[in-house]
Amino acid sequence: MSAIFQASRWTRGNFLFPTRFEITPDSVVRRKRRWFSSNEETIHLSRVASVGIQAGLMFADVRIESTGGGEDLVSHGHWKGDAKAIRNIIQDWQTRNLPPARPETVARSDS
């Protein structure tokens, strides 16, 4: 099962070839077509550090940051509901498949 979220054609950079996020069972794929080529970037869901949403009145920009450094997956002009769904799908997958984070150990002073 995969979910595809397409940016609105009404937003900058998406008129002819809107950006798409596809969330597969194990990764997030960002696809951006051009006239004679396409750009595809993938991050495994276990390597997603955070999902940032910068929302406006109707549309939102989505930034998916990876834990291993490198380029973030960024897309402009998604509907706000789609942006929240992207975040929720990723967080649900991580909750089900990753071990819980260990609490930070606090250094104590015995003085």
N, C-alpha and C. Protein backbone atom coordinates (compact mmCIF):
# COMPACT_ATOMS: atom_id res chain seq x y z
N MET A 1 0.84 -1.18 0.00
CA MET A 1 0.00 0.00 0.00
C MET A 1 0.89 1.24 0.00
N SER A 2 0.57 2.18 -0.82
CA SER A 2 1.29 3.45 -0.80
C SER A 2 0.29 4.59 -0.93
N ALA A 3 0.71 5.75 -0.44
CA ALA A 3 -0.13 6.95 -0.52
C ALA A 3 0.61 7.99 -1.33
N ILE A 4 -0.09 8.66 -2.24
CA ILE A 4 0.52 9.69 -3.08
C ILE A 4 -0.16 11.01 -2.78
N PHE A 5 0.68 12.04 -2.55
CA PHE A 5 0.19 13.39 -2.27
C PHE A 5 0.81 14.33 -3.29
N GLN A 6 -0.03 15.01 -4.05
CA GLN A 6 0.43 15.91 -5.11
C GLN A 6 0.21 17.35 -4.70
N ALA A 7 1.22 18.18 -4.94
CA ALA A 7 1.09 19.61 -4.66
C ALA A 7 0.06 20.23 -5.60
N SER A 8 -0.54 21.31 -5.16
CA SER A 8 -1.54 22.00 -5.96
C SER A 8 -0.89 22.71 -7.14
N ARG A 9 -1.52 22.66 -8.28
CA ARG A 9 -1.02 23.37 -9.47
C ARG A 9 -1.12 24.88 -9.33
N TRP A 10 -1.83 25.35 -8.34
CA TRP A 10 -2.03 26.79 -8.14
C TRP A 10 -0.85 27.43 -7.43
N THR A 11 0.14 26.65 -7.03
CA THR A 11 1.25 27.17 -6.24
C THR A 11 2.53 27.25 -7.08
N ARG A 12 3.49 28.05 -6.58
CA ARG A 12 4.72 28.29 -7.34
C ARG A 12 5.48 27.00 -7.63
N GLY A 13 5.97 26.92 -8.85
CA GLY A 13 6.76 25.77 -9.26
C GLY A 13 6.00 24.50 -9.54
N ASN A 14 4.69 24.53 -9.46
CA ASN A 14 3.89 23.32 -9.62
C ASN A 14 2.87 23.40 -10.74
N PHE A 15 2.89 24.46 -11.55
CA PHE A 15 1.84 24.65 -12.55
C PHE A 15 1.80 23.52 -13.57
N LEU A 16 2.91 23.25 -14.23
CA LEU A 16 2.93 22.19 -15.24
C LEU A 16 3.25 20.82 -14.66
N PHE A 17 4.20 20.78 -13.74
CA PHE A 17 4.65 19.51 -13.19
C PHE A 17 4.65 19.58 -11.66
N PRO A 18 3.53 19.28 -11.04
CA PRO A 18 3.46 19.37 -9.58
C PRO A 18 4.33 18.31 -8.90
N THR A 19 4.90 18.69 -7.77
CA THR A 19 5.71 17.79 -6.98
C THR A 19 4.81 16.76 -6.31
N ARG A 20 5.31 15.53 -6.18
CA ARG A 20 4.55 14.47 -5.53
C ARG A 20 5.38 13.83 -4.44
N PHE A 21 4.73 13.55 -3.32
CA PHE A 21 5.30 12.71 -2.28
C PHE A 21 4.58 11.38 -2.36
N GLU A 22 5.34 10.30 -2.40
CA GLU A 22 4.75 8.96 -2.32
C GLU A 22 5.32 8.30 -1.08
N ILE A 23 4.42 7.84 -0.23
CA ILE A 23 4.84 7.13 0.97
C ILE A 23 4.53 5.66 0.75
N THR A 24 5.61 4.88 0.60
CA THR A 24 5.49 3.44 0.38
C THR A 24 5.56 2.75 1.74
N PRO A 25 5.43 1.43 1.80
CA PRO A 25 5.49 0.76 3.10
C PRO A 25 6.80 0.96 3.86
N ASP A 26 7.89 1.37 3.17
CA ASP A 26 9.15 1.52 3.88
C ASP A 26 9.93 2.80 3.57
N SER A 27 9.42 3.67 2.71
CA SER A 27 10.18 4.88 2.37
C SER A 27 9.27 6.03 1.94
N VAL A 28 9.90 7.21 1.88
CA VAL A 28 9.24 8.40 1.36
C VAL A 28 9.97 8.79 0.08
N VAL A 29 9.22 9.00 -1.00
CA VAL A 29 9.80 9.35 -2.29
C VAL A 29 9.25 10.70 -2.71
N ARG A 30 10.15 11.62 -3.08
CA ARG A 30 9.75 12.93 -3.62
C ARG A 30 10.07 12.92 -5.10
N ARG A 31 9.04 13.14 -5.92
CA ARG A 31 9.23 13.15 -7.38
C ARG A 31 8.88 14.52 -7.94
N LYS A 32 9.78 15.05 -8.75
CA LYS A 32 9.55 16.33 -9.42
C LYS A 32 9.91 16.15 -10.89
N ARG A 33 8.93 16.27 -11.76
CA ARG A 33 9.17 16.15 -13.20
C ARG A 33 9.60 17.48 -13.77
N ARG A 34 10.30 17.42 -14.86
CA ARG A 34 10.71 18.59 -15.64
C ARG A 34 10.33 18.30 -17.08
N TRP A 35 10.68 19.20 -17.98
CA TRP A 35 10.33 19.01 -19.39
C TRP A 35 10.93 17.72 -19.95
N PHE A 36 12.22 17.51 -19.75
CA PHE A 36 12.88 16.36 -20.37
C PHE A 36 13.55 15.45 -19.35
N SER A 37 13.23 15.61 -18.10
CA SER A 37 13.85 14.79 -17.07
C SER A 37 12.94 14.75 -15.84
N SER A 38 13.41 14.04 -14.84
CA SER A 38 12.70 14.03 -13.57
C SER A 38 13.72 13.88 -12.45
N ASN A 39 13.33 14.31 -11.26
CA ASN A 39 14.19 14.22 -10.10
C ASN A 39 13.45 13.40 -9.05
N GLU A 40 14.11 12.36 -8.53
CA GLU A 40 13.49 11.49 -7.53
C GLU A 40 14.45 11.32 -6.37
N GLU A 41 13.96 11.58 -5.16
CA GLU A 41 14.76 11.43 -3.95
C GLU A 41 13.98 10.54 -2.99
N THR A 42 14.71 9.67 -2.28
CA THR A 42 14.09 8.71 -1.39
C THR A 42 14.76 8.72 -0.03
N ILE A 43 13.96 8.60 1.03
CA ILE A 43 14.46 8.43 2.39
C ILE A 43 13.69 7.27 3.01
N HIS A 44 14.41 6.33 3.62
CA HIS A 44 13.75 5.24 4.34
C HIS A 44 13.03 5.83 5.55
N LEU A 45 11.88 5.31 5.88
CA LEU A 45 11.08 5.85 6.98
C LEU A 45 11.81 5.79 8.32
N SER A 46 12.70 4.83 8.50
CA SER A 46 13.45 4.77 9.75
C SER A 46 14.51 5.86 9.84
N ARG A 47 14.83 6.50 8.73
CA ARG A 47 15.84 7.57 8.69
C ARG A 47 15.23 8.97 8.70
N VAL A 48 13.92 9.08 8.86
CA VAL A 48 13.28 10.39 8.93
C VAL A 48 13.44 10.94 10.35
N ALA A 49 14.09 12.10 10.47
CA ALA A 49 14.30 12.71 11.77
C ALA A 49 13.08 13.53 12.18
N SER A 50 12.54 14.30 11.24
CA SER A 50 11.37 15.12 11.55
C SER A 50 10.64 15.50 10.28
N VAL A 51 9.39 15.87 10.46
CA VAL A 51 8.56 16.38 9.36
C VAL A 51 8.10 17.77 9.78
N GLY A 52 8.52 18.77 9.02
CA GLY A 52 8.14 20.14 9.31
C GLY A 52 7.08 20.61 8.33
N ILE A 53 6.11 21.32 8.86
CA ILE A 53 5.03 21.87 8.04
C ILE A 53 4.96 23.37 8.30
N GLN A 54 5.06 24.14 7.23
CA GLN A 54 4.87 25.59 7.33
C GLN A 54 3.58 25.90 6.59
N ALA A 55 2.52 26.16 7.34
CA ALA A 55 1.19 26.28 6.77
C ALA A 55 0.78 27.73 6.58
N GLY A 56 0.11 27.97 5.47
CA GLY A 56 -0.50 29.25 5.20
C GLY A 56 -2.01 29.11 5.32
N LEU A 57 -2.73 29.94 4.61
CA LEU A 57 -4.18 29.92 4.68
C LEU A 57 -4.76 28.61 4.13
N MET A 58 -4.32 28.19 2.93
CA MET A 58 -4.83 26.96 2.33
C MET A 58 -3.74 25.93 2.06
N PHE A 59 -2.52 26.39 1.78
CA PHE A 59 -1.46 25.50 1.36
C PHE A 59 -0.36 25.44 2.42
N ALA A 60 0.47 24.41 2.30
CA ALA A 60 1.56 24.23 3.26
C ALA A 60 2.81 23.75 2.54
N ASP A 61 3.97 24.13 3.07
CA ASP A 61 5.25 23.62 2.61
C ASP A 61 5.64 22.49 3.55
N VAL A 62 6.16 21.40 2.99
CA VAL A 62 6.53 20.23 3.77
C VAL A 62 8.04 20.03 3.66
N ARG A 63 8.70 19.84 4.81
CA ARG A 63 10.13 19.55 4.85
C ARG A 63 10.33 18.28 5.65
N ILE A 64 10.91 17.26 5.00
CA ILE A 64 11.21 15.99 5.66
C ILE A 64 12.72 15.92 5.81
N GLU A 65 13.17 15.92 7.07
CA GLU A 65 14.60 15.91 7.37
C GLU A 65 15.05 14.49 7.67
N SER A 66 16.26 14.15 7.19
CA SER A 66 16.78 12.81 7.44
C SER A 66 17.77 12.83 8.60
N THR A 67 17.94 11.67 9.24
CA THR A 67 18.87 11.57 10.36
C THR A 67 20.31 11.49 9.90
N GLY A 68 20.55 11.08 8.69
CA GLY A 68 21.91 10.87 8.20
C GLY A 68 22.52 12.07 7.52
N GLY A 69 21.93 13.23 7.68
CA GLY A 69 22.44 14.41 6.98
C GLY A 69 21.96 14.40 5.53
N GLY A 70 22.63 15.12 4.70
CA GLY A 70 22.22 15.18 3.30
C GLY A 70 21.09 16.17 3.09
N GLU A 71 20.52 16.13 1.93
CA GLU A 71 19.46 17.06 1.57
C GLU A 71 18.12 16.64 2.17
N ASP A 72 17.37 17.62 2.62
CA ASP A 72 16.01 17.38 3.09
C ASP A 72 15.09 17.26 1.87
N LEU A 73 13.99 16.56 2.05
CA LEU A 73 12.97 16.51 1.01
C LEU A 73 12.02 17.67 1.26
N VAL A 74 11.96 18.61 0.32
CA VAL A 74 11.15 19.81 0.49
C VAL A 74 10.18 19.91 -0.68
N SER A 75 8.95 20.27 -0.37
CA SER A 75 7.94 20.46 -1.40
C SER A 75 7.02 21.61 -0.99
N HIS A 76 6.71 22.46 -1.94
CA HIS A 76 5.88 23.63 -1.71
C HIS A 76 4.48 23.39 -2.27
N GLY A 77 3.47 23.93 -1.61
CA GLY A 77 2.13 24.00 -2.18
C GLY A 77 1.24 22.80 -2.00
N HIS A 78 1.42 22.04 -0.93
CA HIS A 78 0.49 20.94 -0.65
C HIS A 78 -0.69 21.49 0.13
N TRP A 79 -1.84 20.88 -0.04
CA TRP A 79 -2.99 21.25 0.77
C TRP A 79 -2.65 20.97 2.23
N LYS A 80 -3.14 21.79 3.13
CA LYS A 80 -2.82 21.63 4.55
C LYS A 80 -3.21 20.25 5.07
N GLY A 81 -4.34 19.75 4.65
CA GLY A 81 -4.76 18.42 5.08
C GLY A 81 -3.82 17.32 4.60
N ASP A 82 -3.32 17.46 3.37
CA ASP A 82 -2.36 16.50 2.84
C ASP A 82 -1.05 16.56 3.62
N ALA A 83 -0.59 17.77 3.95
CA ALA A 83 0.65 17.92 4.71
C ALA A 83 0.53 17.24 6.07
N LYS A 84 -0.59 17.41 6.73
CA LYS A 84 -0.80 16.76 8.03
C LYS A 84 -0.89 15.24 7.87
N ALA A 85 -1.49 14.78 6.78
CA ALA A 85 -1.59 13.34 6.54
C ALA A 85 -0.20 12.74 6.30
N ILE A 86 0.66 13.44 5.56
CA ILE A 86 2.04 12.98 5.35
C ILE A 86 2.73 12.81 6.69
N ARG A 87 2.64 13.83 7.54
CA ARG A 87 3.27 13.78 8.86
C ARG A 87 2.71 12.62 9.68
N ASN A 88 1.39 12.47 9.69
CA ASN A 88 0.76 11.43 10.50
C ASN A 88 1.13 10.02 10.04
N ILE A 89 1.19 9.79 8.73
CA ILE A 89 1.56 8.47 8.21
C ILE A 89 2.99 8.12 8.63
N ILE A 90 3.91 9.08 8.50
CA ILE A 90 5.30 8.83 8.88
C ILE A 90 5.41 8.58 10.38
N GLN A 91 4.75 9.40 11.19
CA GLN A 91 4.82 9.21 12.64
C GLN A 91 4.18 7.90 13.08
N ASP A 92 3.08 7.50 12.46
CA ASP A 92 2.45 6.23 12.79
C ASP A 92 3.38 5.06 12.46
N TRP A 93 4.04 5.11 11.29
CA TRP A 93 4.97 4.05 10.91
C TRP A 93 6.11 3.97 11.92
N GLN A 94 6.67 5.12 12.29
CA GLN A 94 7.78 5.12 13.23
C GLN A 94 7.36 4.61 14.61
N THR A 95 6.16 4.94 15.03
CA THR A 95 5.65 4.47 16.32
C THR A 95 5.51 2.95 16.33
N ARG A 96 5.04 2.38 15.23
CA ARG A 96 4.84 0.94 15.14
C ARG A 96 6.14 0.16 14.95
N ASN A 97 7.11 0.73 14.23
CA ASN A 97 8.27 -0.05 13.79
C ASN A 97 9.60 0.28 14.44
N LEU A 98 9.71 1.38 15.14
CA LEU A 98 10.98 1.73 15.76
C LEU A 98 10.90 1.53 17.26
N PRO A 99 12.01 1.15 17.88
CA PRO A 99 11.99 1.00 19.34
C PRO A 99 11.82 2.36 20.00
N PRO A 100 11.24 2.39 21.19
CA PRO A 100 11.06 3.68 21.87
C PRO A 100 12.41 4.30 22.19
N ALA A 101 12.46 5.59 22.18
CA ALA A 101 13.69 6.32 22.47
C ALA A 101 14.05 6.11 23.93
N ARG A 102 15.34 5.93 24.17
CA ARG A 102 15.80 5.79 25.56
C ARG A 102 15.88 7.16 26.19
N PRO A 103 15.48 7.25 27.45
CA PRO A 103 15.59 8.55 28.12
C PRO A 103 17.05 8.93 28.29
N GLU A 104 17.32 10.21 28.23
CA GLU A 104 18.68 10.71 28.42
C GLU A 104 19.12 10.43 29.84
N THR A 105 20.35 10.00 29.99
CA THR A 105 20.89 9.80 31.33
C THR A 105 21.44 11.12 31.82
N VAL A 106 21.12 11.42 33.04
CA VAL A 106 21.54 12.68 33.63
C VAL A 106 22.77 12.41 34.50
N ALA A 107 23.84 13.14 34.23
CA ALA A 107 25.05 12.97 35.03
C ALA A 107 24.82 13.59 36.40
N ARG A 108 25.07 12.80 37.43
CA ARG A 108 24.88 13.31 38.78
C ARG A 108 26.23 13.54 39.43
N SER A 109 26.24 14.49 40.25
CA SER A 109 27.44 14.81 41.02
C SER A 109 27.23 14.34 42.45
N ASP A 110 28.13 13.54 42.98
CA ASP A 110 28.00 13.03 44.35
C ASP A 110 28.78 13.89 45.32
N SER A 111 28.71 15.16 45.23
CA SER A 111 29.44 16.02 46.15
C SER A 111 28.59 16.53 47.27
